[in-house]
C-alpha atoms as a PDB file:
ATOM      1  CA  MET A   1       0.000   0.000   0.000  1.00  0.00           C
ATOM      2  CA  SER A   2       1.066   3.557  -0.570  1.00  0.00           C
ATOM      3  CA  GLU A   3       0.378   6.993   0.796  1.00  0.00           C
ATOM      4  CA  VAL A   4       0.313  10.261  -1.113  1.00  0.00           C
ATOM      5  CA  ALA A   5       3.281  12.427  -0.220  1.00  0.00           C
ATOM      6  CA  GLU A   6       2.572  15.392   2.043  1.00  0.00           C
ATOM      7  CA  LYS A   7       2.494  17.641  -1.030  1.00  0.00           C
ATOM      8  CA  PRO A   8       1.275  15.751  -4.133  1.00  0.00           C
ATOM      9  CA  ASP A   9       2.613  16.634  -7.582  1.00  0.00           C
ATOM     10  CA  SER A  10       0.674  19.312  -9.444  1.00  0.00           C
ATOM     11  CA  LEU A  11      -1.257  16.854 -11.644  1.00  0.00           C
ATOM     12  CA  SER A  12      -2.392  14.812  -8.646  1.00  0.00           C
ATOM     13  CA  ALA A  13      -3.313  18.011  -6.791  1.00  0.00           C
ATOM     14  CA  THR A  14      -5.325  19.250  -9.785  1.00  0.00           C
ATOM     15  CA  LEU A  15      -7.172  15.931  -9.911  1.00  0.00           C
ATOM     16  CA  GLY A  16      -7.859  16.127  -6.171  1.00  0.00           C
ATOM     17  CA  LEU A  17      -5.908  13.024  -5.095  1.00  0.00           C
ATOM     18  CA  GLU A  18      -6.223  12.549  -1.327  1.00  0.00           C
ATOM     19  CA  HIS A  19      -4.843   9.080  -0.730  1.00  0.00           C
ATOM     20  CA  VAL A  20      -3.467   6.059  -2.559  1.00  0.00           C
ATOM     21  CA  ILE A  21      -5.229   3.345  -0.555  1.00  0.00           C
ATOM     22  CA  ASP A  22      -3.547   0.520  -2.492  1.00  0.00           C
ATOM     23  CA  ASP A  23      -1.142   0.897  -5.412  1.00  0.00           C
ATOM     24  CA  GLY A  24      -1.925  -2.659  -6.539  1.00  0.00           C
ATOM     25  CA  ALA A  25       1.605  -4.105  -6.210  1.00  0.00           C
ATOM     26  CA  ALA A  26       0.479  -6.989  -3.992  1.00  0.00           C
ATOM     27  CA  SER A  27      -3.281  -7.054  -4.522  1.00  0.00           C
ATOM     28  CA  GLY A  28      -3.379  -6.490  -8.281  1.00  0.00           C
ATOM     29  CA  ARG A  29      -5.983  -3.758  -7.777  1.00  0.00           C
ATOM     30  CA  ALA A  30      -5.109  -0.075  -7.413  1.00  0.00           C
ATOM     31  CA  VAL A  31      -7.459   1.927  -5.203  1.00  0.00           C
ATOM     32  CA  LEU A  32      -7.156   5.737  -5.093  1.00  0.00           C
ATOM     33  CA  ARG A  33      -9.281   8.245  -3.188  1.00  0.00           C
ATOM     34  CA  TYR A  34     -10.006  11.583  -4.834  1.00  0.00           C
ATOM     35  CA  ARG A  35     -12.048  14.563  -3.718  1.00  0.00           C
ATOM     36  CA  ALA A  36     -14.281  15.956  -6.436  1.00  0.00           C
ATOM     37  CA  ARG A  37     -14.408  19.729  -6.002  1.00  0.00           C
ATOM     38  CA  MET A  38     -16.717  22.401  -7.365  1.00  0.00           C
ATOM     39  CA  ASP A  39     -13.916  23.532  -9.687  1.00  0.00           C
ATOM     40  CA  HIS A  40     -14.144  20.072 -11.304  1.00  0.00           C
ATOM     41  CA  CYS A  41     -17.835  20.699 -12.066  1.00  0.00           C
ATOM     42  CA  HIS A  42     -20.130  22.199 -14.656  1.00  0.00           C
ATOM     43  CA  SER A  43     -23.941  22.559 -14.750  1.00  0.00           C
ATOM     44  CA  GLY A  44     -24.403  23.303 -11.069  1.00  0.00           C
ATOM     45  CA  GLY A  45     -22.392  20.568  -9.435  1.00  0.00           C
ATOM     46  CA  ILE A  46     -21.879  17.743 -11.946  1.00  0.00           C
ATOM     47  CA  VAL A  47     -18.254  16.634 -12.334  1.00  0.00           C
ATOM     48  CA  GLN A  48     -16.911  17.145 -15.862  1.00  0.00           C
ATOM     49  CA  GLY A  49     -16.277  13.827 -17.631  1.00  0.00           C
ATOM     50  CA  GLY A  50     -12.611  14.540 -18.259  1.00  0.00           C
ATOM     51  CA  PHE A  51     -11.911  14.437 -14.520  1.00  0.00           C
ATOM     52  CA  ILE A  52     -13.748  11.125 -14.190  1.00  0.00           C
ATOM     53  CA  THR A  53     -11.698   9.772 -17.092  1.00  0.00           C
ATOM     54  CA  GLY A  54      -8.520  11.114 -15.483  1.00  0.00           C
ATOM     55  CA  TRP A  55      -9.260   9.426 -12.141  1.00  0.00           C
ATOM     56  CA  ILE A  56      -9.831   6.040 -13.745  1.00  0.00           C
ATOM     57  CA  ASP A  57      -6.833   6.471 -16.069  1.00  0.00           C
ATOM     58  CA  ALA A  58      -4.555   7.378 -13.138  1.00  0.00           C
ATOM     59  CA  ALA A  59      -5.649   4.285 -11.217  1.00  0.00           C
ATOM     60  CA  MET A  60      -4.908   2.127 -14.282  1.00  0.00           C
ATOM     61  CA  ALA A  61      -1.426   3.675 -14.516  1.00  0.00           C
ATOM     62  CA  HIS A  62      -0.797   3.056 -10.802  1.00  0.00           C
ATOM     63  CA  VAL A  63      -1.502  -0.657 -11.042  1.00  0.00           C
ATOM     64  CA  VAL A  64       0.760  -1.128 -14.090  1.00  0.00           C
ATOM     65  CA  ILE A  65       3.631   0.800 -12.505  1.00  0.00           C
ATOM     66  CA  ALA A  66       3.252  -1.069  -9.201  1.00  0.00           C
ATOM     67  CA  LYS A  67       2.871  -4.566 -10.721  1.00  0.00           C
ATOM     68  CA  SER A  68       5.941  -4.020 -12.910  1.00  0.00           C
ATOM     69  CA  GLY A  69       8.067  -3.052  -9.925  1.00  0.00           C
ATOM     70  CA  ARG A  70       8.254   0.550 -11.192  1.00  0.00           C
ATOM     71  CA  GLN A  71       9.849  -0.672 -14.432  1.00  0.00           C
ATOM     72  CA  LEU A  72       7.021   0.069 -16.900  1.00  0.00           C
ATOM     73  CA  SER A  73       4.721   2.965 -17.671  1.00  0.00           C
ATOM     74  CA  PRO A  74       1.487   2.615 -19.667  1.00  0.00           C
ATOM     75  CA  LEU A  75       0.945   4.987 -22.590  1.00  0.00           C
ATOM     76  CA  SER A  76      -2.733   5.030 -23.511  1.00  0.00           C
ATOM     77  CA  LEU A  77      -3.421   3.863 -27.054  1.00  0.00           C
ATOM     78  CA  GLU A  78      -7.158   4.065 -26.494  1.00  0.00           C
ATOM     79  CA  ILE A  79      -9.453   4.606 -23.560  1.00  0.00           C
ATOM     80  CA  LYS A  80     -13.203   4.122 -23.297  1.00  0.00           C
ATOM     81  CA  ILE A  81     -15.297   5.406 -20.426  1.00  0.00           C
ATOM     82  CA  SER A  82     -18.971   4.602 -19.850  1.00  0.00           C
ATOM     83  CA  PHE A  83     -20.695   7.082 -17.557  1.00  0.00           C
ATOM     84  CA  MET A  84     -23.379   5.409 -15.447  1.00  0.00           C
ATOM     85  CA  GLN A  85     -24.344   8.190 -12.995  1.00  0.00           C
ATOM     86  CA  SER A  86     -23.357  11.794 -12.412  1.00  0.00           C
ATOM     87  CA  ALA A  87     -20.484  12.384 -10.020  1.00  0.00           C
ATOM     88  CA  ARG A  88     -20.949  15.214  -7.522  1.00  0.00           C
ATOM     89  CA  PRO A  89     -18.526  17.050  -5.220  1.00  0.00           C
ATOM     90  CA  GLY A  90     -17.171  14.859  -2.446  1.00  0.00           C
ATOM     91  CA  PRO A  91     -15.015  11.772  -2.117  1.00  0.00           C
ATOM     92  CA  VAL A  92     -14.793   9.238  -4.944  1.00  0.00           C
ATOM     93  CA  ILE A  93     -12.810   6.011  -5.254  1.00  0.00           C
ATOM     94  CA  ALA A  94     -11.035   4.982  -8.454  1.00  0.00           C
ATOM     95  CA  GLN A  95     -10.203   1.289  -8.783  1.00  0.00           C
ATOM     96  CA  ALA A  96      -8.230  -0.397 -11.552  1.00  0.00           C
ATOM     97  CA  TRP A  97      -6.784  -3.780 -12.462  1.00  0.00           C
ATOM     98  CA  ILE A  98      -4.860  -5.434 -15.263  1.00  0.00           C
ATOM     99  CA  GLU A  99      -7.047  -7.652 -17.391  1.00  0.00           C
ATOM    100  CA  ARG A 100      -4.054  -8.886 -19.404  1.00  0.00           C
ATOM    101  CA  MET A 101      -0.464  -7.731 -19.748  1.00  0.00           C
ATOM    102  CA  GLY A 102       2.135  -8.789 -22.290  1.00  0.00           C
ATOM    103  CA  LYS A 103       5.625  -7.476 -22.967  1.00  0.00           C
ATOM    104  CA  THR A 104       4.527  -4.400 -24.913  1.00  0.00           C
ATOM    105  CA  THR A 105       0.767  -4.069 -24.449  1.00  0.00           C
ATOM    106  CA  ALA A 106      -1.622  -4.089 -21.499  1.00  0.00           C
ATOM    107  CA  PHE A 107      -5.407  -4.321 -21.379  1.00  0.00           C
ATOM    108  CA  LEU A 108      -6.694  -2.456 -18.331  1.00  0.00           C
ATOM    109  CA  GLU A 109     -10.021  -1.964 -16.618  1.00  0.00           C
ATOM    110  CA  GLY A 110     -11.246   0.427 -13.971  1.00  0.00           C
ATOM    111  CA  ARG A 111     -14.224   2.017 -12.355  1.00  0.00           C
ATOM    112  CA  LEU A 112     -15.201   4.998 -10.238  1.00  0.00           C
ATOM    113  CA  LEU A 113     -17.364   4.636  -7.140  1.00  0.00           C
ATOM    114  CA  ASN A 114     -19.093   7.129  -4.884  1.00  0.00           C
ATOM    115  CA  GLU A 115     -19.005   6.938  -1.062  1.00  0.00           C
ATOM    116  CA  GLN A 116     -21.971   4.559  -1.071  1.00  0.00           C
ATOM    117  CA  GLY A 117     -20.120   2.127  -3.347  1.00  0.00           C
ATOM    118  CA  GLU A 118     -22.308   2.861  -6.373  1.00  0.00           C
ATOM    119  CA  VAL A 119     -20.556   2.622  -9.736  1.00  0.00           C
ATOM    120  CA  LEU A 120     -20.428   6.047 -11.389  1.00  0.00           C
ATOM    121  CA  ALA A 121     -18.318   5.089 -14.410  1.00  0.00           C
ATOM    122  CA  LYS A 122     -16.437   2.152 -15.906  1.00  0.00           C
ATOM    123  CA  GLY A 123     -13.468   2.228 -18.210  1.00  0.00           C
ATOM    124  CA  THR A 124     -11.177   0.117 -20.338  1.00  0.00           C
ATOM    125  CA  SER A 125      -7.848   1.007 -21.865  1.00  0.00           C
ATOM    126  CA  THR A 126      -5.301  -0.480 -24.201  1.00  0.00           C
ATOM    127  CA  ALA A 127      -1.837   0.762 -23.317  1.00  0.00           C
ATOM    128  CA  ARG A 128       1.615   0.478 -24.810  1.00  0.00           C
ATOM    129  CA  LEU A 129       4.178  -0.441 -22.154  1.00  0.00           C
ATOM    130  CA  VAL A 130       7.376   1.602 -22.130  1.00  0.00           C
ATOM    131  CA  PRO A 131      10.300   1.621 -19.703  1.00  0.00           C
ATOM    132  CA  LEU A 132       9.748   3.987 -16.800  1.00  0.00           C
ATOM    133  CA  PRO A 133      12.530   6.558 -16.482  1.00  0.00           C
ATOM    134  CA  LYS A 134      14.689   6.150 -13.387  1.00  0.00           C
ATOM    135  CA  GLY A 135      14.265   8.611 -10.519  1.00  0.00           C
ATOM    136  CA  PRO A 136      11.214  10.082  -8.802  1.00  0.00           C
ATOM    137  CA  LEU A 137       7.885  10.088 -10.601  1.00  0.00           C
ATOM    138  CA  LEU A 138       6.419  13.494 -11.295  1.00  0.00           C
END
């Protein structure tokens, strides 16, 4: 399991990352907690779909990086998100897992849940696997 550093990187801060509950290294399932804010919203409190996509995509990246021992990074070739319910300001949980991973390509799945455990969105991604640069992740 992993914790977010005291001061998250600017992308994670923009997305509202509060806590990496599980990076997926041991469990095979990344679980990240975000806080949807009003500045993520349009139409009077509905989270914009790009943020929902970003939360699921980030969880999918976490599980690939963790399962590869920080050796590989996934570059999205395609991503599909199905929106089931509107997300509103407050905590949300992004979960992701590897459906199948080869040497150069991974097939990933994820979902976003609200506090009550209801599925707000589901996603799939095909990603090209590339070596992760050495040093701290940004």
